[in-house]
Amino acid sequence: MRATAINILDMIENSGLEMTNAVISGFSTQKTKDSEPLNPDIENFLKKNAIQFSREKKSITYLVMDEDNGFLLGFFSLAHKPIKIPPVGMSKTKIRTIEKYARI
């Protein structure tokens, strides 16, 4: 298996929006067909926001594809600017947890 990361906007340009949506729609975090998704937020972002956010330059998403069979193995997104989270109403424990990953 050979994996490669493809910019989602490049995929749209080269393969078309319909094909890109078809690839994305097949992505799942389920272990089996009958199980619940392990992370529905991840699936939601990819299927509902990744293209729009990339076009609006809020983030860029890369699809990790298996070059041998064209399957979508996974994806990652990079934000272009930090997200600020106001600590209003948060416990000190929650603030310390968030501070590991973001600025408050």
C-alpha atoms as a PDB file:
ATOM      1  CA  MET A   1       0.000   0.000   0.000  1.00  0.00           C
ATOM      2  CA  ARG A   2       1.231   3.455  -0.913  1.00  0.00           C
ATOM      3  CA  ALA A   3      -0.471   6.437   0.688  1.00  0.00           C
ATOM      4  CA  THR A   4      -0.414  10.002  -0.540  1.00  0.00           C
ATOM      5  CA  ALA A   5      -1.924  13.227   0.785  1.00  0.00           C
ATOM      6  CA  ILE A   6      -3.945  15.292  -1.678  1.00  0.00           C
ATOM      7  CA  ASN A   7      -5.105  18.857  -1.103  1.00  0.00           C
ATOM      8  CA  ILE A   8      -8.912  18.743  -1.240  1.00  0.00           C
ATOM      9  CA  LEU A   9      -9.025  21.796  -3.557  1.00  0.00           C
ATOM     10  CA  ASP A  10      -6.579  20.099  -5.950  1.00  0.00           C
ATOM     11  CA  MET A  11      -8.796  17.024  -5.988  1.00  0.00           C
ATOM     12  CA  ILE A  12     -11.815  19.167  -6.853  1.00  0.00           C
ATOM     13  CA  GLU A  13      -9.877  20.870  -9.645  1.00  0.00           C
ATOM     14  CA  ASN A  14      -8.545  17.599 -11.097  1.00  0.00           C
ATOM     15  CA  SER A  15     -11.445  15.198 -10.510  1.00  0.00           C
ATOM     16  CA  GLY A  16     -14.426  17.500 -10.071  1.00  0.00           C
ATOM     17  CA  LEU A  17     -16.663  18.345  -7.141  1.00  0.00           C
ATOM     18  CA  GLU A  18     -18.983  15.380  -7.720  1.00  0.00           C
ATOM     19  CA  MET A  19     -16.135  12.837  -7.596  1.00  0.00           C
ATOM     20  CA  THR A  20     -14.589  14.526  -4.546  1.00  0.00           C
ATOM     21  CA  ASN A  21     -17.930  14.411  -2.720  1.00  0.00           C
ATOM     22  CA  ALA A  22     -18.293  10.734  -3.663  1.00  0.00           C
ATOM     23  CA  VAL A  23     -14.878   9.945  -2.145  1.00  0.00           C
ATOM     24  CA  ILE A  24     -15.669  11.954   0.993  1.00  0.00           C
ATOM     25  CA  SER A  25     -19.127  10.445   1.461  1.00  0.00           C
ATOM     26  CA  GLY A  26     -17.613   6.959   1.745  1.00  0.00           C
ATOM     27  CA  PHE A  27     -15.419   7.923   4.715  1.00  0.00           C
ATOM     28  CA  SER A  28     -16.423   6.467   8.063  1.00  0.00           C
ATOM     29  CA  THR A  29     -14.963   6.082  11.533  1.00  0.00           C
ATOM     30  CA  GLN A  30     -17.047   2.962  12.173  1.00  0.00           C
ATOM     31  CA  LYS A  31     -15.263  -0.262  13.108  1.00  0.00           C
ATOM     32  CA  THR A  32     -17.942  -2.346  11.363  1.00  0.00           C
ATOM     33  CA  LYS A  33     -20.915  -1.564   9.125  1.00  0.00           C
ATOM     34  CA  ASP A  34     -23.367  -2.049  11.996  1.00  0.00           C
ATOM     35  CA  SER A  35     -21.473  -0.083  14.654  1.00  0.00           C
ATOM     36  CA  GLU A  36     -21.855   3.558  15.594  1.00  0.00           C
ATOM     37  CA  PRO A  37     -19.221   6.012  14.309  1.00  0.00           C
ATOM     38  CA  LEU A  38     -16.292   6.289  16.715  1.00  0.00           C
ATOM     39  CA  ASN A  39     -16.131  10.028  16.122  1.00  0.00           C
ATOM     40  CA  PRO A  40     -19.172  11.574  14.432  1.00  0.00           C
ATOM     41  CA  ASP A  41     -17.688  15.095  14.774  1.00  0.00           C
ATOM     42  CA  ILE A  42     -14.761  14.079  12.555  1.00  0.00           C
ATOM     43  CA  GLU A  43     -17.095  12.640   9.916  1.00  0.00           C
ATOM     44  CA  ASN A  44     -19.338  15.717  10.118  1.00  0.00           C
ATOM     45  CA  PHE A  45     -16.444  18.102   9.573  1.00  0.00           C
ATOM     46  CA  LEU A  46     -15.180  16.231   6.526  1.00  0.00           C
ATOM     47  CA  LYS A  47     -18.575  15.738   4.929  1.00  0.00           C
ATOM     48  CA  LYS A  48     -20.140  19.123   5.732  1.00  0.00           C
ATOM     49  CA  ASN A  49     -17.373  21.708   6.286  1.00  0.00           C
ATOM     50  CA  ALA A  50     -14.003  20.691   4.824  1.00  0.00           C
ATOM     51  CA  ILE A  51     -14.627  21.943   1.278  1.00  0.00           C
ATOM     52  CA  GLN A  52     -16.270  25.194   2.360  1.00  0.00           C
ATOM     53  CA  PHE A  53     -13.559  25.941   4.953  1.00  0.00           C
ATOM     54  CA  SER A  54     -10.851  25.266   2.360  1.00  0.00           C
ATOM     55  CA  ARG A  55     -12.484  27.585  -0.157  1.00  0.00           C
ATOM     56  CA  GLU A  56     -12.893  30.306   2.479  1.00  0.00           C
ATOM     57  CA  LYS A  57      -9.239  29.882   3.564  1.00  0.00           C
ATOM     58  CA  LYS A  58     -10.272  29.033   7.129  1.00  0.00           C
ATOM     59  CA  SER A  59      -8.383  25.757   6.916  1.00  0.00           C
ATOM     60  CA  ILE A  60      -7.047  23.347   4.343  1.00  0.00           C
ATOM     61  CA  THR A  61      -7.879  19.665   4.295  1.00  0.00           C
ATOM     62  CA  TYR A  62      -5.679  16.944   2.867  1.00  0.00           C
ATOM     63  CA  LEU A  63      -7.166  13.593   1.908  1.00  0.00           C
ATOM     64  CA  VAL A  64      -4.886  10.622   2.556  1.00  0.00           C
ATOM     65  CA  MET A  65      -5.514   8.239  -0.331  1.00  0.00           C
ATOM     66  CA  ASP A  66      -4.344   4.696  -1.051  1.00  0.00           C
ATOM     67  CA  GLU A  67      -2.632   5.085  -4.429  1.00  0.00           C
ATOM     68  CA  ASP A  68      -3.177   1.431  -5.301  1.00  0.00           C
ATOM     69  CA  ASN A  69      -6.970   1.324  -5.028  1.00  0.00           C
ATOM     70  CA  GLY A  70      -8.069   4.969  -4.594  1.00  0.00           C
ATOM     71  CA  PHE A  71      -9.612   4.447  -1.143  1.00  0.00           C
ATOM     72  CA  LEU A  72      -9.758   7.332   1.293  1.00  0.00           C
ATOM     73  CA  LEU A  73      -7.706   6.191   4.293  1.00  0.00           C
ATOM     74  CA  GLY A  74      -8.057   9.334   6.379  1.00  0.00           C
ATOM     75  CA  PHE A  75      -7.599  13.079   6.323  1.00  0.00           C
ATOM     76  CA  PHE A  76      -6.109  15.963   8.232  1.00  0.00           C
ATOM     77  CA  SER A  77      -6.917  19.645   8.315  1.00  0.00           C
ATOM     78  CA  LEU A  78      -4.709  22.575   9.160  1.00  0.00           C
ATOM     79  CA  ALA A  79      -6.159  25.831  10.473  1.00  0.00           C
ATOM     80  CA  HIS A  80      -4.717  29.053   9.131  1.00  0.00           C
ATOM     81  CA  LYS A  81      -5.014  30.967  12.371  1.00  0.00           C
ATOM     82  CA  PRO A  82      -5.428  30.080  16.027  1.00  0.00           C
ATOM     83  CA  ILE A  83      -8.817  29.711  17.594  1.00  0.00           C
ATOM     84  CA  LYS A  84      -9.354  31.803  20.704  1.00  0.00           C
ATOM     85  CA  ILE A  85     -11.567  30.308  23.373  1.00  0.00           C
ATOM     86  CA  PRO A  86     -12.814  32.679  26.079  1.00  0.00           C
ATOM     87  CA  PRO A  87     -12.603  31.029  29.511  1.00  0.00           C
ATOM     88  CA  VAL A  88     -15.977  32.379  30.650  1.00  0.00           C
ATOM     89  CA  GLY A  89     -17.758  29.813  32.798  1.00  0.00           C
ATOM     90  CA  MET A  90     -14.968  27.219  32.576  1.00  0.00           C
ATOM     91  CA  SER A  91     -13.511  25.399  35.525  1.00  0.00           C
ATOM     92  CA  LYS A  92      -9.808  25.749  36.277  1.00  0.00           C
ATOM     93  CA  THR A  93      -9.335  22.087  35.329  1.00  0.00           C
ATOM     94  CA  LYS A  94     -10.958  22.635  31.940  1.00  0.00           C
ATOM     95  CA  ILE A  95      -8.867  25.772  31.344  1.00  0.00           C
ATOM     96  CA  ARG A  96      -5.629  23.848  32.104  1.00  0.00           C
ATOM     97  CA  THR A  97      -6.704  21.082  29.723  1.00  0.00           C
ATOM     98  CA  ILE A  98      -7.468  23.517  26.893  1.00  0.00           C
ATOM     99  CA  GLU A  99      -4.267  25.488  27.467  1.00  0.00           C
ATOM    100  CA  LYS A 100      -2.306  22.412  26.385  1.00  0.00           C
ATOM    101  CA  TYR A 101      -3.696  22.862  22.860  1.00  0.00           C
ATOM    102  CA  ALA A 102      -4.978  26.423  22.507  1.00  0.00           C
ATOM    103  CA  ARG A 103      -4.644  29.942  23.843  1.00  0.00           C
ATOM    104  CA  ILE A 104      -7.245  31.279  26.200  1.00  0.00           C
END
